[in-house]
N, C-alpha and C. Protein backbone atom coordinates (compact mmCIF):
# COMPACT_ATOMS: atom_id res chain seq x y z
N MET A 1 273.33 98.20 138.99
CA MET A 1 271.64 97.82 138.84
C MET A 1 271.69 96.42 139.52
N LEU A 2 271.97 94.98 139.33
CA LEU A 2 271.28 94.22 139.42
C LEU A 2 270.39 93.21 140.91
N ARG A 3 271.29 94.52 141.42
CA ARG A 3 270.90 94.65 142.53
C ARG A 3 270.07 94.97 142.95
N TRP A 4 269.24 96.13 142.32
CA TRP A 4 267.76 97.55 142.66
C TRP A 4 267.12 96.59 141.40
N THR A 5 267.76 95.71 140.66
CA THR A 5 266.45 94.80 140.17
C THR A 5 266.15 93.92 140.79
N VAL A 6 266.99 93.07 141.76
CA VAL A 6 266.26 92.26 141.94
C VAL A 6 265.37 93.02 143.64
N ILE A 7 265.85 93.78 144.19
CA ILE A 7 264.86 95.12 145.28
C ILE A 7 263.90 94.74 144.53
N PHE A 8 263.49 96.00 143.07
CA PHE A 8 262.33 95.86 142.82
C PHE A 8 261.33 94.47 142.37
N ILE A 9 261.82 93.26 141.99
CA ILE A 9 261.49 92.13 141.97
C ILE A 9 261.46 91.56 143.54
N ILE A 10 261.27 91.64 144.51
CA ILE A 10 260.33 91.33 145.46
C ILE A 10 260.42 92.49 146.05
N LEU A 11 260.37 93.82 145.82
CA LEU A 11 259.21 94.53 146.42
C LEU A 11 257.56 94.26 145.14
N ALA A 12 257.90 94.37 144.30
CA ALA A 12 256.81 93.12 142.92
C ALA A 12 256.05 92.13 143.76
N ILE A 13 256.91 90.98 144.58
CA ILE A 13 256.43 90.18 144.97
C ILE A 13 255.89 90.10 146.46
N ILE A 14 256.02 91.13 147.05
CA ILE A 14 255.28 91.58 148.63
C ILE A 14 254.61 91.86 148.21
N ALA A 15 254.41 93.27 147.98
CA ALA A 15 253.09 93.96 147.33
C ALA A 15 252.05 93.14 146.49
N GLY A 16 252.45 91.68 146.15
CA GLY A 16 251.30 91.20 144.84
C GLY A 16 250.63 90.40 146.16
N VAL A 17 251.40 90.30 147.26
CA VAL A 17 251.09 89.22 147.98
C VAL A 17 249.64 90.14 149.29
N PHE A 18 250.30 91.35 149.45
CA PHE A 18 249.06 91.82 150.26
C PHE A 18 248.01 92.44 149.57
N GLY A 19 247.95 92.32 148.14
CA GLY A 19 246.75 92.91 147.64
C GLY A 19 247.00 94.15 146.77
N PHE A 20 247.94 95.05 146.56
CA PHE A 20 248.32 95.65 145.44
C PHE A 20 248.95 96.24 144.59
N GLY A 21 247.72 95.48 143.42
CA GLY A 21 248.41 95.11 142.20
C GLY A 21 249.04 96.02 141.18
N GLY A 22 248.59 97.47 141.80
CA GLY A 22 249.02 98.18 141.29
C GLY A 22 250.75 98.64 141.25
N ILE A 23 251.28 98.63 142.34
CA ILE A 23 252.18 98.58 143.60
C ILE A 23 252.99 97.64 142.43
N ALA A 24 252.69 96.04 142.88
CA ALA A 24 253.11 95.12 141.85
C ALA A 24 253.40 95.30 140.02
N ALA A 25 252.39 95.83 140.07
CA ALA A 25 252.92 95.56 138.91
C ALA A 25 254.23 96.75 138.07
N GLY A 26 253.65 98.32 139.09
CA GLY A 26 255.02 99.02 138.33
C GLY A 26 256.10 98.50 139.11
N ALA A 27 256.46 97.99 140.40
CA ALA A 27 258.25 97.17 140.21
C ALA A 27 258.42 96.80 139.56
N ALA A 28 257.47 95.30 139.38
CA ALA A 28 258.05 94.40 137.80
C ALA A 28 258.22 95.18 136.86
N SER A 29 257.83 95.88 136.31
CA SER A 29 258.01 96.24 135.00
C SER A 29 259.35 97.67 135.10
N ILE A 30 259.64 97.84 136.41
CA ILE A 30 260.34 98.76 136.66
C ILE A 30 261.61 97.29 136.90
N ALA A 31 261.38 96.58 137.43
CA ALA A 31 262.81 95.69 137.40
C ALA A 31 263.13 94.58 136.04
N LYS A 32 262.38 95.38 135.68
CA LYS A 32 262.31 94.66 134.12
C LYS A 32 263.16 95.02 132.89
N ILE A 33 262.56 96.27 132.83
CA ILE A 33 263.64 98.12 132.53
C ILE A 33 265.17 97.35 133.00
N LEU A 34 264.93 98.16 134.19
CA LEU A 34 266.77 97.73 135.44
C LEU A 34 267.25 96.50 134.86
N PHE A 35 266.20 95.17 134.42
CA PHE A 35 267.58 93.76 133.64
C PHE A 35 268.03 94.71 132.84
N PHE A 36 267.24 94.67 131.21
CA PHE A 36 267.31 94.51 130.37
C PHE A 36 268.49 96.03 130.11
N ILE A 37 269.05 96.71 130.93
CA ILE A 37 269.67 98.09 130.92
C ILE A 37 270.39 96.74 131.64
N PHE A 38 270.58 96.33 132.31
CA PHE A 38 271.73 95.51 132.62
C PHE A 38 271.82 94.75 132.12
N ILE A 39 271.29 94.27 131.49
CA ILE A 39 272.10 93.38 130.07
C ILE A 39 272.98 93.78 129.24
N ILE A 40 272.13 95.12 128.44
CA ILE A 40 272.65 95.40 127.76
C ILE A 40 274.25 96.17 127.77
N LEU A 41 273.90 96.63 129.43
CA LEU A 41 276.10 97.14 129.93
C LEU A 41 276.41 96.75 129.79
N PHE A 42 276.20 95.04 130.06
CA PHE A 42 277.16 94.19 130.41
C PHE A 42 277.75 93.65 128.70
N ILE A 43 276.80 93.02 127.88
CA ILE A 43 277.29 93.05 126.64
C ILE A 43 278.00 93.82 126.90
N ILE A 44 277.52 95.54 126.31
CA ILE A 44 278.56 96.49 126.41
C ILE A 44 280.10 96.21 126.76
N SER A 45 280.44 96.11 127.86
CA SER A 45 281.49 96.14 128.47
C SER A 45 281.99 94.84 128.30
N LEU A 46 282.03 93.43 128.06
CA LEU A 46 282.18 92.73 127.37
C LEU A 46 282.97 92.46 125.98
N ILE A 47 281.92 93.31 124.81
CA ILE A 47 282.63 93.66 123.68
C ILE A 47 284.27 95.11 123.69
N MET A 48 283.68 96.10 125.06
CA MET A 48 284.84 97.11 124.87
C MET A 48 286.05 96.07 125.35
N GLY A 49 286.00 95.56 126.31
CA GLY A 49 287.36 95.05 127.95
C GLY A 49 288.10 93.66 125.59
N ARG A 50 287.28 93.55 124.99
CA ARG A 50 288.12 92.61 124.25
C ARG A 50 288.50 93.03 123.48
N LYS A 51 288.49 94.67 123.15
CA LYS A 51 288.96 95.21 122.16
C LYS A 51 290.55 95.97 122.80
N LYS A 52 290.63 96.26 124.06
CA LYS A 52 292.25 95.81 124.69
C LYS A 52 293.35 95.45 124.08
N ILE A 53 293.44 95.03 123.25
CA ILE A 53 294.22 93.78 122.85
C ILE A 53 295.81 94.87 123.03
């Protein structure tokens, strides 16, 4: 999932450089959502991993 976040960030940067503001904003918002989902899943996996004692 972190790979997809990086891909969308790069897509947003490239689209911004070429002047496609709408596509850049869309890609950046998708990257932001994916990043937060990744963080939430990472925290959940840390918590679940510690309970297996």
